Amino acid sequence: MVLVLYSYRQLASDYIAILYQDYFQHRFQAKLSLANHATMLIDVLLIA
């Protein structure tokens, strides 16, 4: 009984960890792409 409860808790914490990781990764990628667009824009302005 305790083992089952523990495994459920472990599963839940793993799932939450994966969700958090996914969320932060997407946010980070979004910021990264925004930064890339900004640098591209600056490069274009410098060339022009």
N, C-alpha and C. Protein backbone atom coordinates (compact mmCIF):
# COMPACT_ATOMS: atom_id res chain seq x y z
N MET A 1 0.84 -1.21 0.00
CA MET A 1 0.00 0.00 0.00
C MET A 1 0.87 1.26 0.00
N VAL A 2 1.84 1.28 0.89
CA VAL A 2 2.73 2.44 0.98
C VAL A 2 3.55 2.57 -0.31
N LEU A 3 3.97 1.43 -0.83
CA LEU A 3 4.77 1.40 -2.05
C LEU A 3 3.98 1.99 -3.23
N VAL A 4 2.71 1.61 -3.33
CA VAL A 4 1.84 2.11 -4.39
C VAL A 4 1.67 3.61 -4.27
N LEU A 5 1.46 4.08 -3.05
CA LEU A 5 1.30 5.50 -2.79
C LEU A 5 2.57 6.26 -3.17
N TYR A 6 3.71 5.67 -2.80
CA TYR A 6 5.00 6.29 -3.11
C TYR A 6 5.22 6.38 -4.61
N SER A 7 4.91 5.29 -5.31
CA SER A 7 5.12 5.27 -6.76
C SER A 7 4.21 6.29 -7.45
N TYR A 8 2.99 6.44 -6.95
CA TYR A 8 2.08 7.45 -7.51
C TYR A 8 2.64 8.85 -7.30
N ARG A 9 3.19 9.08 -6.10
CA ARG A 9 3.77 10.38 -5.80
C ARG A 9 4.97 10.64 -6.70
N GLN A 10 5.78 9.61 -6.89
CA GLN A 10 6.97 9.71 -7.74
C GLN A 10 6.56 10.05 -9.17
N LEU A 11 5.54 9.36 -9.64
CA LEU A 11 5.02 9.57 -11.00
C LEU A 11 4.52 11.00 -11.16
N ALA A 12 3.78 11.46 -10.16
CA ALA A 12 3.22 12.82 -10.19
C ALA A 12 4.35 13.85 -10.21
N SER A 13 5.36 13.66 -9.37
CA SER A 13 6.46 14.63 -9.32
C SER A 13 7.26 14.62 -10.62
N ASP A 14 7.43 13.44 -11.20
CA ASP A 14 8.12 13.34 -12.49
C ASP A 14 7.34 14.09 -13.57
N TYR A 15 6.03 13.90 -13.57
CA TYR A 15 5.15 14.54 -14.56
C TYR A 15 5.21 16.05 -14.43
N ILE A 16 5.16 16.52 -13.17
CA ILE A 16 5.22 17.96 -12.91
C ILE A 16 6.56 18.52 -13.36
N ALA A 17 7.62 17.76 -13.08
CA ALA A 17 8.97 18.19 -13.48
C ALA A 17 9.06 18.31 -15.00
N ILE A 18 8.48 17.34 -15.70
CA ILE A 18 8.49 17.36 -17.17
C ILE A 18 7.71 18.56 -17.68
N LEU A 19 6.55 18.82 -17.07
CA LEU A 19 5.74 19.96 -17.49
C LEU A 19 6.48 21.27 -17.29
N TYR A 20 7.11 21.41 -16.11
CA TYR A 20 7.86 22.63 -15.83
C TYR A 20 9.00 22.81 -16.82
N GLN A 21 9.71 21.70 -17.08
CA GLN A 21 10.84 21.73 -18.00
C GLN A 21 10.37 22.19 -19.39
N ASP A 22 9.27 21.59 -19.83
CA ASP A 22 8.70 21.91 -21.13
C ASP A 22 8.34 23.39 -21.21
N TYR A 23 7.67 23.88 -20.15
CA TYR A 23 7.21 25.26 -20.10
C TYR A 23 8.39 26.23 -20.18
N PHE A 24 9.41 25.97 -19.34
CA PHE A 24 10.56 26.86 -19.32
C PHE A 24 11.36 26.79 -20.61
N GLN A 25 11.44 25.58 -21.18
CA GLN A 25 12.16 25.42 -22.43
C GLN A 25 11.49 26.23 -23.54
N HIS A 26 10.15 26.16 -23.59
CA HIS A 26 9.43 26.92 -24.60
C HIS A 26 9.59 28.42 -24.40
N ARG A 27 9.55 28.86 -23.14
CA ARG A 27 9.74 30.28 -22.86
C ARG A 27 11.13 30.72 -23.28
N PHE A 28 12.11 29.87 -22.95
CA PHE A 28 13.50 30.18 -23.28
C PHE A 28 13.69 30.26 -24.80
N GLN A 29 13.10 29.30 -25.51
CA GLN A 29 13.19 29.28 -26.97
C GLN A 29 12.53 30.52 -27.56
N ALA A 30 11.41 30.93 -26.98
CA ALA A 30 10.72 32.11 -27.47
C ALA A 30 11.59 33.35 -27.29
N LYS A 31 12.23 33.46 -26.12
CA LYS A 31 13.11 34.59 -25.86
C LYS A 31 14.30 34.56 -26.80
N LEU A 32 14.81 33.35 -27.04
CA LEU A 32 15.96 33.18 -27.91
C LEU A 32 15.63 33.61 -29.33
N SER A 33 14.46 33.20 -29.83
CA SER A 33 14.06 33.55 -31.19
C SER A 33 13.81 35.05 -31.30
N LEU A 34 13.28 35.63 -30.22
CA LEU A 34 13.04 37.08 -30.20
C LEU A 34 14.38 37.81 -30.28
N ALA A 35 15.36 37.32 -29.53
CA ALA A 35 16.71 37.90 -29.54
C ALA A 35 17.33 37.77 -30.93
N ASN A 36 17.14 36.61 -31.55
CA ASN A 36 17.68 36.39 -32.90
C ASN A 36 17.06 37.36 -33.90
N HIS A 37 15.75 37.56 -33.78
CA HIS A 37 15.07 38.50 -34.68
C HIS A 37 15.60 39.92 -34.46
N ALA A 38 15.81 40.27 -33.20
CA ALA A 38 16.32 41.60 -32.88
C ALA A 38 17.71 41.80 -33.48
N THR A 39 18.58 40.81 -33.34
CA THR A 39 19.94 40.93 -33.89
C THR A 39 19.91 40.99 -35.41
N MET A 40 19.01 40.21 -36.02
CA MET A 40 18.88 40.25 -37.48
C MET A 40 18.43 41.63 -37.93
N LEU A 41 17.49 42.20 -37.19
CA LEU A 41 16.98 43.53 -37.51
C LEU A 41 18.10 44.56 -37.40
N ILE A 42 18.90 44.44 -36.35
CA ILE A 42 20.02 45.37 -36.14
C ILE A 42 21.04 45.22 -37.26
N ASP A 43 21.31 43.95 -37.66
CA ASP A 43 22.24 43.70 -38.77
C ASP A 43 21.74 44.35 -40.05
N VAL A 44 20.45 44.21 -40.32
CA VAL A 44 19.86 44.80 -41.52
C VAL A 44 19.98 46.33 -41.48
N LEU A 45 19.71 46.90 -40.31
CA LEU A 45 19.82 48.35 -40.16
C LEU A 45 21.26 48.82 -40.35
N LEU A 46 22.22 48.05 -39.82
CA LEU A 46 23.63 48.41 -39.96
C LEU A 46 24.07 48.31 -41.41
N ILE A 47 23.58 47.30 -42.11
CA ILE A 47 23.94 47.12 -43.53
C ILE A 47 23.32 48.26 -44.36
N ALA A 48 22.07 48.59 -44.07
CA ALA A 48 21.38 49.65 -44.77
C ALA A 48 21.98 50.99 -44.32
